[in-house]
Protein backbone atom coordinates (compact mmCIF):
# COMPACT_ATOMS: atom_id res chain seq x y z
CA UNK A 1 132.05 131.65 166.84
CA UNK A 2 134.56 134.44 167.85
CA UNK A 3 133.77 133.33 171.13
CA UNK A 4 136.65 130.65 170.66
CA UNK A 5 138.82 131.88 168.17
CA UNK A 6 142.26 133.40 169.26
CA UNK A 7 143.50 134.41 172.49
CA UNK A 8 140.90 137.01 173.22
CA UNK A 9 137.33 136.85 171.54
CA UNK A 10 136.34 139.90 169.01
CA UNK A 11 133.18 140.64 171.13
CA UNK A 12 135.00 140.51 174.18
CA UNK A 13 137.81 144.09 173.10
CA UNK A 14 136.69 145.82 170.67
CA UNK A 15 137.66 148.50 172.39
CA UNK A 16 141.08 147.76 173.74
CA UNK A 17 141.95 146.70 169.38
CA UNK A 18 139.91 150.50 168.51
CA UNK A 19 142.50 152.21 171.17
CA UNK A 20 145.82 150.21 170.27
CA UNK A 21 145.14 151.09 166.67
CA UNK A 22 145.44 154.45 167.43
CA UNK A 23 148.15 154.29 170.10
CA UNK A 24 146.34 154.71 172.60
CA UNK A 25 146.91 151.30 173.82
CA UNK A 26 150.81 150.44 172.94
CA UNK A 27 151.06 147.80 170.57
CA UNK A 28 152.35 144.13 172.27
CA UNK A 29 153.96 143.64 168.68
CA UNK A 30 154.88 145.07 165.36
CA UNK A 31 156.19 143.34 162.91
CA UNK A 32 158.40 146.08 161.13
CA UNK A 33 159.57 146.36 157.06
CA UNK A 34 157.82 143.46 155.93
CA UNK A 35 155.84 143.26 151.90
CA UNK A 36 151.96 142.82 152.86
CA UNK A 37 150.03 140.50 150.81
CA UNK A 38 146.64 141.82 150.90
CA UNK A 39 144.02 138.92 150.26
CA UNK A 40 141.53 141.35 149.74
CA UNK A 41 142.78 143.25 146.82
CA UNK A 42 146.04 140.95 145.53
CA UNK A 43 148.36 143.46 145.99
CA UNK A 44 151.55 143.31 147.93
CA UNK A 45 151.94 146.32 149.78
CA UNK A 46 155.21 147.35 152.57
CA UNK A 47 153.78 148.29 155.81
CA UNK A 48 154.14 147.37 159.19
CA UNK A 49 151.29 145.04 161.47
CA UNK A 50 150.37 146.30 164.77
CA UNK A 51 148.95 143.41 167.22
CA UNK A 52 147.72 143.49 170.47
CA UNK A 53 145.88 140.94 172.38
CA UNK A 54 146.70 138.65 169.54
CA UNK A 55 145.35 140.36 167.20
CA UNK A 56 145.90 142.76 164.25
CA UNK A 57 144.96 146.19 164.92
CA UNK A 58 147.01 148.41 162.38
CA UNK A 59 148.40 147.47 158.61
CA UNK A 60 150.71 150.61 157.36
CA UNK A 61 153.01 152.88 159.27
CA UNK A 62 152.71 151.54 163.21
CA UNK A 63 155.04 153.88 164.31
CA UNK A 64 152.56 155.62 167.12
CA UNK A 65 151.60 151.75 168.75
CA UNK A 66 154.86 151.50 169.66
CA UNK A 67 155.71 151.68 173.21
CA UNK A 68 158.51 150.82 175.79
CA UNK A 69 157.65 147.49 175.74
CA UNK A 70 156.82 146.72 171.95
CA UNK A 71 158.40 143.91 171.19
CA UNK A 72 159.78 144.72 167.63
CA UNK A 73 160.11 142.04 164.54
CA UNK A 74 161.98 142.85 161.28
CA UNK A 75 160.58 141.48 159.23
CA UNK A 76 162.99 142.72 156.08
CA UNK A 77 163.47 141.17 153.09
CA UNK A 78 159.81 138.70 153.99
CA UNK A 79 156.37 138.71 152.55
CA UNK A 80 154.18 138.44 155.37
CA UNK A 81 150.95 136.45 154.25
CA UNK A 82 148.21 134.90 156.29
CA UNK A 83 148.59 131.59 158.26
CA UNK A 84 146.94 129.07 155.77
CA UNK A 85 143.55 127.21 156.49
CA UNK A 86 142.72 123.47 155.06
CA UNK A 87 138.90 124.18 154.39
CA UNK A 88 138.33 119.99 154.52
CA UNK A 89 140.72 117.22 156.05
CA UNK A 90 140.63 114.39 158.16
CA UNK A 91 143.11 114.45 160.56
CA UNK A 92 142.70 110.55 161.18
CA UNK A 93 143.64 110.36 157.92
CA UNK A 94 147.37 111.31 159.16
CA UNK A 95 147.11 108.25 161.41
CA UNK A 96 147.90 110.41 164.47
CA UNK A 97 146.18 112.99 166.91
CA UNK A 98 145.00 116.59 166.93
CA UNK A 99 147.58 117.08 168.87
CA UNK A 100 150.40 115.10 167.48
CA UNK A 101 149.21 117.07 163.64
CA UNK A 102 149.42 120.35 165.10
CA UNK A 103 153.14 119.23 165.36
CA UNK A 104 153.60 118.57 162.55
CA UNK A 105 151.26 121.15 160.36
CA UNK A 106 152.25 123.74 162.10
CA UNK A 107 155.47 124.57 161.10
CA UNK A 108 154.23 124.42 157.57
CA UNK A 109 152.17 127.25 157.33
CA UNK A 110 148.89 125.88 158.55
CA UNK A 111 147.33 127.88 161.31
CA UNK A 112 143.82 127.10 160.80
CA UNK A 113 141.76 123.43 159.83
CA UNK A 114 138.12 122.59 159.47
CA UNK A 115 138.26 119.34 160.21
CA UNK A 116 135.44 116.41 159.39
CA UNK A 117 136.11 113.56 162.51
CA UNK A 118 133.97 111.27 159.97
CA UNK A 119 136.51 108.27 161.03
CA UNK A 120 136.21 108.22 164.39
CA UNK A 121 132.56 109.01 163.94
CA UNK A 122 132.12 105.98 162.34
CA UNK A 123 133.90 103.92 165.14
CA UNK A 124 132.91 105.57 168.18
CA UNK A 125 130.21 108.06 167.24
CA UNK A 126 129.38 111.29 168.70
CA UNK A 127 131.57 110.69 171.80
CA UNK A 128 134.44 109.57 169.31
CA UNK A 129 134.32 113.40 167.58
CA UNK A 130 133.94 115.41 170.99
CA UNK A 131 137.03 113.74 172.39
CA UNK A 132 138.67 115.15 168.68
CA UNK A 133 136.99 118.91 169.15
CA UNK A 134 137.69 119.33 172.55
CA UNK A 135 141.59 118.42 172.44
CA UNK A 136 141.86 120.77 169.29
CA UNK A 137 140.44 124.03 171.85
CA UNK A 138 143.65 124.06 173.54
CA UNK A 139 146.14 124.13 170.73
CA UNK A 140 148.04 127.57 168.64
CA UNK A 141 146.32 125.31 166.05
CA UNK A 142 142.97 126.74 165.50
CA UNK A 143 140.59 123.63 164.64
CA UNK A 144 136.54 124.14 163.77
CA UNK A 145 135.45 120.55 163.07
CA UNK A 146 132.05 119.73 160.63
CA UNK A 147 129.83 117.40 162.18
CA UNK A 148 129.80 113.92 160.44
CA UNK A 149 126.54 113.31 158.37
CA UNK A 150 127.06 110.13 157.15
CA UNK A 151 127.77 107.27 159.54
CA UNK A 152 127.47 104.79 157.67
CA UNK A 153 127.80 106.65 154.73
CA UNK A 154 125.46 104.32 152.99
CA UNK A 155 122.82 103.03 155.17
CA UNK A 156 122.13 99.56 153.99
CA UNK A 157 125.41 99.43 152.29
CA UNK A 158 127.82 98.40 155.24
CA UNK A 159 128.32 97.78 158.88
CA UNK A 160 129.71 101.11 161.31
CA UNK A 161 130.11 101.19 165.20
CA UNK A 162 127.67 103.69 165.40
CA UNK A 163 124.62 105.50 163.64
CA UNK A 164 124.16 108.99 163.40
CA UNK A 165 120.78 110.34 163.46
CA UNK A 166 119.74 114.21 163.16
CA UNK A 167 119.32 114.15 167.12
CA UNK A 168 123.68 113.66 167.45
CA UNK A 169 123.48 116.37 164.57
CA UNK A 170 121.05 118.56 166.37
CA UNK A 171 123.59 118.03 169.03
CA UNK A 172 126.45 119.30 168.09
CA UNK A 173 125.46 122.12 166.58
CA UNK A 174 125.46 123.58 170.01
CA UNK A 175 129.24 123.25 170.52
CA UNK A 176 130.84 126.58 169.26
CA UNK A 177 133.85 124.33 167.56
CA UNK A 178 131.47 122.95 165.51
CA UNK A 179 131.20 125.05 162.40
CA UNK A 180 128.64 122.90 160.16
CA UNK A 181 127.75 119.58 158.87
CA UNK A 182 130.14 117.70 157.66
CA UNK A 183 130.46 116.56 153.59
CA UNK A 184 127.14 114.80 153.09
CA UNK A 185 127.91 112.00 151.03
CA UNK A 186 124.44 110.54 150.77
CA UNK A 187 123.65 112.90 147.84
CA UNK A 188 121.08 110.21 146.35
CA UNK A 189 119.36 110.78 150.05
CA UNK A 190 119.57 114.22 149.39
CA UNK A 191 118.01 113.87 145.59
CA UNK A 192 115.12 111.45 146.86
CA UNK A 193 113.92 113.61 149.24
CA UNK A 194 114.75 111.43 152.05
CA UNK A 195 113.62 113.00 155.47
CA UNK A 196 116.12 111.90 157.73
CA UNK A 197 118.78 113.74 155.35
CA UNK A 198 116.97 116.82 154.74
CA UNK A 199 116.78 116.73 158.51
CA UNK A 200 120.24 117.25 159.20
CA UNK A 201 120.54 119.19 156.29
CA UNK A 202 117.95 122.19 158.13
CA UNK A 203 118.97 121.65 161.55
CA UNK A 204 122.42 123.02 160.35
CA UNK A 205 121.14 126.04 158.71
CA UNK A 206 118.62 126.67 161.65
CA UNK A 207 121.82 126.98 163.58
CA UNK A 208 123.37 129.54 161.21
CA UNK A 209 126.08 126.98 160.22
CA UNK A 210 127.24 125.71 156.33
CA UNK A 211 126.25 122.60 154.67
CA UNK A 212 129.74 120.66 153.00
CA UNK A 213 129.09 118.81 150.28
CA UNK A 214 130.52 115.61 148.68
CA UNK A 215 128.83 115.14 145.16
CA UNK A 216 131.47 112.70 143.58
CA UNK A 217 129.77 111.28 140.24
CA UNK A 218 130.77 113.19 136.73
CA UNK A 219 127.26 115.01 136.34
CA UNK A 220 126.72 118.59 136.56
CA UNK A 221 123.53 119.37 134.89
CA UNK A 222 120.35 118.50 137.10
CA UNK A 223 121.44 116.32 139.65
CA UNK A 224 124.24 119.17 140.74
CA UNK A 225 121.78 121.82 140.75
CA UNK A 226 119.68 119.77 143.04
CA UNK A 227 122.20 119.14 144.87
CA UNK A 228 122.49 122.68 145.20
CA UNK A 229 119.27 123.73 145.89
CA UNK A 230 119.46 122.35 148.75
CA UNK A 231 121.78 124.43 150.86
CA UNK A 232 125.16 122.51 150.58
CA UNK A 233 127.71 125.40 150.02
CA UNK A 234 130.65 123.07 148.65
CA UNK A 235 132.11 119.92 147.70
CA UNK A 236 135.62 118.64 147.17
CA UNK A 237 134.67 115.95 145.11
CA UNK A 238 135.16 117.48 141.25
CA UNK A 239 137.67 115.88 139.54
CA UNK A 240 137.71 117.14 136.50
CA UNK A 241 137.88 121.21 134.72
CA UNK A 242 134.19 120.74 134.24
CA UNK A 243 133.45 119.60 137.45
CA UNK A 244 135.18 122.34 139.45
CA UNK A 245 133.53 125.04 136.40
CA UNK A 246 129.73 123.80 137.24
CA UNK A 247 130.42 123.91 140.92
CA UNK A 248 131.69 127.38 141.13
CA UNK A 249 129.26 128.54 137.92
CA UNK A 250 126.33 127.41 140.46
CA UNK A 251 127.70 129.89 143.62
CA UNK A 252 128.88 126.90 145.25
CA UNK A 253 132.66 126.58 146.90
CA UNK A 254 134.66 124.58 144.76
CA UNK A 255 137.91 122.74 147.19
CA UNK A 256 140.61 121.76 144.77
CA UNK A 257 142.17 118.65 146.39
CA UNK A 258 145.52 117.63 146.62
CA UNK A 259 146.73 114.93 148.91
CA UNK A 260 148.78 111.66 149.48
CA UNK A 261 146.88 108.99 146.97
CA UNK A 262 144.69 111.65 145.49
CA UNK A 263 145.88 114.44 143.32
CA UNK A 264 142.68 117.00 141.63
CA UNK A 265 144.85 120.07 141.36
CA UNK A 266 146.35 119.35 137.97
CA UNK A 267 143.26 118.80 136.60
CA UNK A 268 140.70 121.43 138.55
CA UNK A 269 143.05 124.42 138.57
CA UNK A 270 142.12 124.93 134.55
CA UNK A 271 138.82 125.46 135.09
CA UNK A 272 140.45 129.06 136.50
CA UNK A 273 144.09 129.04 134.46
CA UNK A 274 142.32 128.04 130.83
CA UNK A 275 138.86 129.99 131.65
CA UNK A 276 140.30 133.04 133.72
CA UNK A 277 136.84 132.68 135.37
CA UNK A 278 136.65 134.51 138.89
CA UNK A 279 138.45 132.53 140.82
CA UNK A 280 136.77 133.62 144.55
CA UNK A 281 134.96 130.15 145.11
CA UNK A 282 137.81 127.98 144.84
CA UNK A 283 139.35 126.49 147.51
CA UNK A 284 142.49 124.41 148.16
CA UNK A 285 142.29 121.38 150.16
CA UNK A 286 144.33 118.53 151.37
CA UNK A 287 141.54 115.98 152.70
CA UNK A 288 143.88 113.37 153.38
CA UNK A 289 147.43 113.20 154.55
CA UNK A 290 149.56 110.72 155.56
CA UNK A 291 152.53 111.59 158.08
CA UNK A 292 155.56 111.15 155.30
CA UNK A 293 153.82 114.03 152.86
CA UNK A 294 153.68 116.39 155.26
CA UNK A 295 157.33 115.14 157.25
CA UNK A 296 158.23 115.54 153.15
CA UNK A 297 156.69 118.12 151.00
CA UNK A 298 154.88 119.76 153.75
CA UNK A 299 150.93 120.49 154.46
CA UNK A 300 148.32 123.45 152.67
CA UNK A 301 152.49 124.77 151.72
CA UNK A 302 152.45 121.87 149.17
CA UNK A 303 148.94 122.44 147.92
CA UNK A 304 149.89 126.52 147.80
CA UNK A 305 152.87 125.49 145.85
CA UNK A 306 151.09 122.41 143.74
CA UNK A 307 148.40 125.08 142.35
CA UNK A 308 151.33 127.55 141.13
CA UNK A 309 153.48 125.09 139.69
CA UNK A 310 150.30 124.64 137.44
CA UNK A 311 150.06 127.74 136.56
CA UNK A 312 148.43 129.82 138.96
CA UNK A 313 149.09 133.16 140.18
CA UNK A 314 150.89 132.79 143.41
CA UNK A 315 148.83 135.76 145.18
CA UNK A 316 145.68 134.21 143.58
CA UNK A 317 146.79 130.73 145.21
CA UNK A 318 147.51 132.38 148.88
CA UNK A 319 143.55 133.70 148.75
CA UNK A 320 142.75 130.02 148.01
CA UNK A 321 144.15 128.47 151.52
CA UNK A 322 143.52 132.24 153.02
CA UNK A 323 140.71 134.20 152.85
CA UNK A 324 138.53 131.85 150.16
CA UNK A 325 138.27 129.30 153.10
CA UNK A 326 137.54 131.95 155.50
CA UNK A 327 134.67 133.47 153.55
CA UNK A 328 133.38 129.74 152.90
CA UNK A 329 132.66 129.15 156.52
CA UNK A 330 132.09 132.62 157.31
CA UNK A 331 134.67 133.59 159.72
CA UNK A 332 136.38 135.79 157.24
CA UNK A 333 136.78 138.33 160.17
CA UNK A 334 138.07 136.52 162.49
CA UNK A 335 140.86 134.54 160.43
CA UNK A 336 142.48 134.55 156.34
CA UNK A 337 143.46 137.99 155.88
CA UNK A 338 146.38 140.40 157.54
CA UNK A 339 143.82 143.16 158.43
CA UNK A 340 142.76 144.94 161.31
CA UNK A 341 140.98 142.76 164.17
CA UNK A 342 141.64 139.53 162.29
CA UNK A 343 143.67 137.02 164.34
CA UNK A 344 147.59 137.97 163.91
CA UNK A 345 148.12 134.48 162.11
CA UNK A 346 150.67 135.54 159.66
CA UNK A 347 153.56 133.44 157.88
CA UNK A 348 156.96 134.85 157.33
CA UNK A 349 158.04 133.84 153.42
CA UNK A 350 161.25 134.47 151.56
CA UNK A 351 159.18 133.32 148.23
CA UNK A 352 156.04 133.51 147.04
CA UNK A 353 156.14 130.97 144.63
CA UNK A 354 158.86 128.08 146.44
CA UNK A 355 155.98 128.78 149.41
CA UNK A 356 158.33 127.55 152.57
CA UNK A 357 157.15 129.90 155.67
CA UNK A 358 160.38 130.69 157.75
CA UNK A 359 158.72 131.93 160.49
CA UNK A 360 155.21 131.01 161.81
CA UNK A 361 153.50 133.20 164.19
CA UNK A 362 149.87 132.40 165.42
CA UNK A 363 147.73 135.24 167.79
CA UNK A 364 150.25 137.19 167.53
CA UNK A 365 153.08 134.93 169.21
CA UNK A 366 155.72 132.65 166.82
CA UNK A 367 155.20 128.96 166.92
CA UNK A 368 157.45 128.08 164.44
CA UNK A 369 161.11 128.63 163.11
CA UNK A 370 162.65 127.28 159.73
CA UNK A 371 160.33 124.35 160.04
CA UNK A 372 161.07 123.39 163.78
CA UNK A 373 158.22 124.50 166.54
CA UNK A 374 159.21 126.48 168.77
CA UNK A 375 156.49 125.86 171.66
CA UNK A 376 155.28 123.45 173.73
CA UNK A 377 152.23 121.17 173.22
CA UNK A 378 150.80 118.81 175.83
CA UNK A 379 149.99 115.35 174.70
CA UNK A 380 146.44 114.06 175.36
CA UNK A 381 146.39 110.64 176.95
CA UNK A 382 142.93 108.75 175.83
CA UNK A 383 140.52 107.25 177.50
CA UNK A 384 140.40 103.12 178.15
CA UNK A 385 137.45 103.22 175.87
CA UNK A 386 138.47 104.99 172.79
CA UNK A 387 141.44 101.95 172.85
CA UNK A 388 140.88 98.22 171.72
CA UNK A 389 138.00 98.80 169.06
CA UNK A 390 138.81 95.79 167.32
CA UNK A 391 135.91 93.52 168.17
CA UNK A 392 135.42 90.50 165.88
CA UNK A 393 133.60 87.44 166.56
CA UNK A 394 136.22 84.88 166.24
CA UNK A 395 140.22 84.21 165.50
CA UNK A 396 140.27 84.10 161.32
CA UNK A 397 140.91 81.01 159.46
CA UNK A 398 142.02 80.51 156.05
CA UNK A 399 139.23 78.85 154.77
CA UNK A 400 137.11 82.27 155.72
CA UNK A 401 138.31 83.75 152.41
CA UNK A 402 137.74 80.58 150.29
CA UNK A 403 135.17 81.80 147.47
CA UNK A 404 133.51 78.31 146.59
CA UNK A 405 132.03 77.70 143.04
CA UNK A 406 129.67 74.29 142.62
CA UNK A 407 128.86 74.79 138.63
CA UNK A 408 130.21 72.91 135.98
CA UNK A 409 132.00 75.38 134.06
CA UNK A 410 135.86 74.97 134.69
CA UNK A 411 136.64 79.18 134.02
CA UNK A 412 134.07 81.75 135.32
CA UNK A 413 134.15 85.94 134.79
CA UNK A 414 134.02 87.66 137.89
CA UNK A 415 133.74 91.64 138.98
CA UNK A 416 136.96 93.21 139.76
CA UNK A 417 137.32 96.23 141.68
CA UNK A 418 139.81 98.36 139.12
CA UNK A 419 142.07 100.66 141.07
CA UNK A 420 144.19 103.82 139.61
CA UNK A 421 147.31 104.73 141.17
CA UNK A 422 146.52 108.66 142.65
CA UNK A 423 143.03 108.76 141.99
CA UNK A 424 139.71 108.25 144.03
CA UNK A 425 137.64 106.33 141.75
CA UNK A 426 137.41 102.30 140.63
CA UNK A 427 136.44 100.85 137.68
CA UNK A 428 134.28 97.91 137.69
CA UNK A 429 135.70 95.77 134.97
CA UNK A 430 135.23 91.73 134.80
CA UNK A 431 138.05 88.94 134.20
CA UNK A 432 138.57 85.36 133.73
CA UNK A 433 139.48 82.95 136.50
CA UNK A 434 139.52 79.09 136.86
CA UNK A 435 137.84 76.95 138.84
CA UNK A 436 140.06 74.87 140.84
CA UNK A 437 138.73 71.74 143.56
CA UNK A 438 135.49 73.97 142.90
CA UNK A 439 137.42 77.29 144.52
CA UNK A 440 137.84 80.75 143.12
CA UNK A 441 141.45 81.82 143.84
CA UNK A 442 143.66 84.92 143.40
CA UNK A 443 145.84 85.43 140.50
CA UNK A 444 148.82 87.06 140.62
CA UNK A 445 149.78 86.33 137.02
CA UNK A 446 146.88 88.61 136.22
CA UNK A 447 147.11 91.23 139.00
CA UNK A 448 144.30 90.07 140.85
CA UNK A 449 144.57 89.76 144.64
CA UNK A 450 141.58 88.75 147.04
CA UNK A 451 139.81 91.74 148.62
CA UNK A 452 137.46 90.88 151.98
CA UNK A 453 135.66 93.48 154.46
CA UNK A 454 135.36 91.45 157.96
CA UNK A 455 132.60 93.79 160.06
CA UNK A 456 134.88 94.49 163.50
CA UNK A 457 132.57 96.65 165.79
CA UNK A 458 131.28 93.72 167.60
CA UNK A 459 128.21 93.95 165.23
CA UNK A 460 127.16 90.98 163.06
CA UNK A 461 130.26 90.16 161.88
CA UNK A 462 129.56 89.57 158.81
CA UNK A 463 132.15 89.37 155.93
CA UNK A 464 132.14 90.54 151.74
CA UNK A 465 134.73 88.98 149.74
CA UNK A 466 135.89 89.56 145.79
CA UNK A 467 138.88 90.60 143.58
CA UNK A 468 141.03 93.49 143.32
CA UNK A 469 143.42 94.45 140.56
CA UNK A 470 145.77 97.27 140.14
CA UNK A 471 147.98 96.96 143.48
CA UNK A 472 150.43 94.45 141.50
CA UNK A 473 150.53 91.80 144.66
CA UNK A 474 152.58 88.53 143.98
CA UNK A 475 152.59 87.21 147.25
CA UNK A 476 152.05 87.76 151.17
CA UNK A 477 148.48 90.01 152.42
CA UNK A 478 148.06 93.00 153.34
CA UNK A 479 145.08 94.70 156.13
CA UNK A 480 143.86 97.63 157.18
CA UNK A 481 141.44 98.60 160.03
CA UNK A 482 142.15 102.07 158.00
CA UNK A 483 139.45 101.19 155.71
CA UNK A 484 137.15 103.92 154.58
CA UNK A 485 134.16 104.77 155.74
CA UNK A 486 132.90 102.54 158.20
CA UNK A 487 136.40 101.16 158.90
CA UNK A 488 135.82 97.79 159.38
CA UNK A 489 138.72 95.65 158.73
CA UNK A 490 139.93 95.61 155.26
CA UNK A 491 141.97 92.66 154.31
CA UNK A 492 144.21 92.10 150.81
CA UNK A 493 146.08 89.02 149.95
CA UNK A 494 147.18 86.12 147.08
CA UNK A 495 146.34 83.48 149.09
CA UNK A 496 143.71 82.94 152.22
CA UNK A 497 146.32 81.60 154.70
CA UNK A 498 148.15 85.31 154.29
CA UNK A 499 144.65 86.88 154.31
CA UNK A 500 143.79 85.72 157.84
CA UNK A 501 146.65 85.70 159.43
CA UNK A 502 147.10 89.43 158.77
CA UNK A 503 143.45 89.99 160.11
CA UNK A 504 144.35 87.97 163.22
CA UNK A 505 147.57 90.36 163.82
CA UNK A 506 145.52 93.64 163.51
CA UNK A 507 142.78 91.69 166.03
CA UNK A 508 145.19 91.05 168.70
CA UNK A 509 147.20 94.88 168.36
CA UNK A 510 144.23 96.69 168.56
CA UNK A 511 144.32 98.55 164.81
CA UNK A 512 146.43 99.64 162.42
CA UNK A 513 147.87 98.33 159.35
CA UNK A 514 150.17 95.14 158.18
CA UNK A 515 151.73 93.90 155.48
CA UNK A 516 152.44 89.93 156.03
CA UNK A 517 154.00 86.41 154.25
CA UNK A 518 154.27 82.89 154.47
CA UNK A 519 152.56 83.23 158.32
CA UNK A 520 155.26 86.49 159.33
CA UNK A 521 154.79 90.11 160.06
CA UNK A 522 157.11 92.53 157.47
CA UNK A 523 155.67 95.42 159.07
CA UNK A 524 153.00 96.75 161.66
CA UNK A 525 151.78 100.17 161.53
CA UNK A 526 149.87 100.17 165.11
CA UNK A 527 146.66 102.45 165.15
CA UNK A 528 145.36 101.53 168.67
CA UNK A 529 142.98 104.70 169.03
CA UNK A 530 140.04 104.04 167.33
CA UNK A 531 142.08 101.43 164.96
CA UNK A 532 142.64 104.74 163.05
CA UNK A 533 145.15 107.10 165.27
CA UNK A 534 148.86 106.77 167.21
CA UNK A 535 149.66 109.02 169.97
CA UNK A 536 153.12 108.67 169.11
CA UNK A 537 154.72 111.70 167.37
CA UNK A 538 154.53 111.88 163.52
CA UNK A 539 157.67 111.33 163.27
CA UNK A 540 158.04 108.04 164.93
CA UNK A 541 154.55 107.26 163.27
CA UNK A 542 156.17 107.53 159.43
CA UNK A 543 159.23 105.52 160.36
CA UNK A 544 156.69 102.61 160.96
CA UNK A 545 154.57 103.64 157.58
CA UNK A 546 158.06 103.42 155.54
CA UNK A 547 158.63 99.93 156.56
CA UNK A 548 155.09 99.55 155.66
CA UNK A 549 155.57 101.09 152.07
CA UNK A 550 158.86 98.96 152.22
CA UNK A 551 157.06 95.54 152.85
CA UNK A 552 154.43 96.39 150.13
CA UNK A 553 157.13 96.62 147.81
CA UNK A 554 158.34 93.12 148.80
CA UNK A 555 154.95 91.60 147.53
CA UNK A 556 155.75 93.55 144.74
CA UNK A 557 153.89 96.28 144.76
CA UNK A 558 155.33 99.60 143.11
CA UNK A 559 152.43 102.05 143.94
CA UNK A 560 152.87 105.70 146.11
CA UNK A 561 150.55 105.16 149.09
CA UNK A 562 149.12 101.65 148.71
CA UNK A 563 147.98 101.71 151.77
CA UNK A 564 145.49 105.28 151.09
CA UNK A 565 144.31 103.55 147.95
CA UNK A 566 143.39 100.32 149.41
CA UNK A 567 141.39 101.82 152.33
CA UNK A 568 138.88 103.73 149.83
CA UNK A 569 137.90 100.02 148.10
CA UNK A 570 135.34 99.56 150.86
CA UNK A 571 134.02 103.36 150.24
CA UNK A 572 130.68 102.76 149.00
CA UNK A 573 129.82 106.48 147.64
CA UNK A 574 132.50 106.94 144.92
CA UNK A 575 132.43 105.35 141.53
CA UNK A 576 132.54 102.34 140.25
CA UNK A 577 132.49 99.21 142.02
CA UNK A 578 133.14 98.90 146.00
CA UNK A 579 133.36 96.40 148.53
CA UNK A 580 131.71 96.35 152.73
CA UNK A 581 131.24 93.93 154.70
CA UNK A 582 127.70 93.33 152.99
CA UNK A 583 128.88 92.56 149.47
CA UNK A 584 129.83 94.05 146.59
CA UNK A 585 128.55 97.38 145.40
CA UNK A 586 127.88 99.31 142.64
CA UNK A 587 128.26 102.45 143.57
CA UNK A 588 127.02 104.17 140.24
CA UNK A 589 123.36 102.23 140.27
CA UNK A 590 123.61 102.11 144.30
CA UNK A 591 122.95 98.29 144.53
CA UNK A 592 124.87 95.20 145.45
CA UNK A 593 126.44 92.56 142.58
CA UNK A 594 127.45 89.44 142.30
CA UNK A 595 130.69 88.22 142.55
CA UNK A 596 130.55 85.88 139.08
CA UNK A 597 128.91 88.31 136.45
């Protein structure tokens, strides 16, 4: 892996680094006067930091490493910490490309990401993953990838744009930038001994790489242990104190998540603050973060602050976003600490608790100051095959969304996907709806909207339809091609005509998110790359997302980040009830269920 980390691979310059530490070769840069946060010993020590060829060679008195051409940086009044590492995230959820994400995240102190390009894999397959991996190669942000393991996430329950098999996993494991297997959401397949699933695990471990997990049910006694026994090293799906404790006690890395729509740290951090167990198996991650969160709250620095706000010692919180993450992915000899041999990814901060880096350095070069990028990053032009990915069979009409009922009853009991703000899970509820002219309609008075998923990858063209509660829609409709995990066309609304109109708008523009009312567009976020991302700057995308958020409010929804909560309605691997293009899925028992009880 050191083959591509940093400006110079470690194994190629061991002699130079050794000589530079002794002053026999003079340092390129020396940072003087700072307080170094040692993430190995939890100490704060006054020390110089000498850097040569982008790597740290000495932490201590560096006077002997200074030559006539050495650049001196005065760090008086600053704490120096390692750059922050995001141990599980999806770049696509930021709605921008890897390049644009780097522009936004670097000033926040995020210097390394371990991305799971699962979203683009569901639309464009292995070549979509390769596209994002290649884009990350020449950025000041270090970009690792885990190869998506579950495409589709629940075989037999949904239709994605492609299928990832052990063959694709084997190919990806040859790439230096792929550090492991992406979150194994098909935990039922792991537990049932599914041959394809276990072949993926085998290929990954034979390659010497890490298997990352996704165990999304609140069971910790037998199933979780069996899951861990398969070699899965980590999990980010624990949402309770007891979930986090169980994972850490089994030797798994527990990834505590704080994203835009799902905020688990308040509960999961109690596994540490209320028990005082060893925190070396705890990581901080974002999972999914949209542009507004990055621009207003930050990225990994915000997650560190949230851990501190909930009672975590600042140095421990920093460990959970640096060295712990590096150890989880077996690259702690390269990144995650201010120590000899490591890449010189260093943050300058005035206050450890209010974690806002004033200076961000990667590979010994300053790339951001006071929240602004100071280095040029060239944009990548995405190829035509990555665009225009919304391929539905025909234009949608209002009649496509009619739910007909031919029985004698005037009222029926229907299943409802009930959402809760800032929570990943949904609840499987029921409600009663009137039957009018043999049709069942949405009922805003009960906070019940229709929801439909239309296959959009040029496949069977089928559609699942149901009802959802919790969004508060009073009028109009919304639609999105960001619809985890298969990213089909997801439409939610109070009337059939607006639902059809919203779907057709996204078909014509190549994907994105839209809010409509009375067949008029209120707001549109165009995401032409795989229907998931824009190549525009994050500030521009954020402006469109803000307009979309305001449009949601005009339709009656007051939820924070409703479009991200909506995007999970079609994810059939998280409890309790979901909808795909094939129908309603009971995700506790992994079976289809009828809309009418």
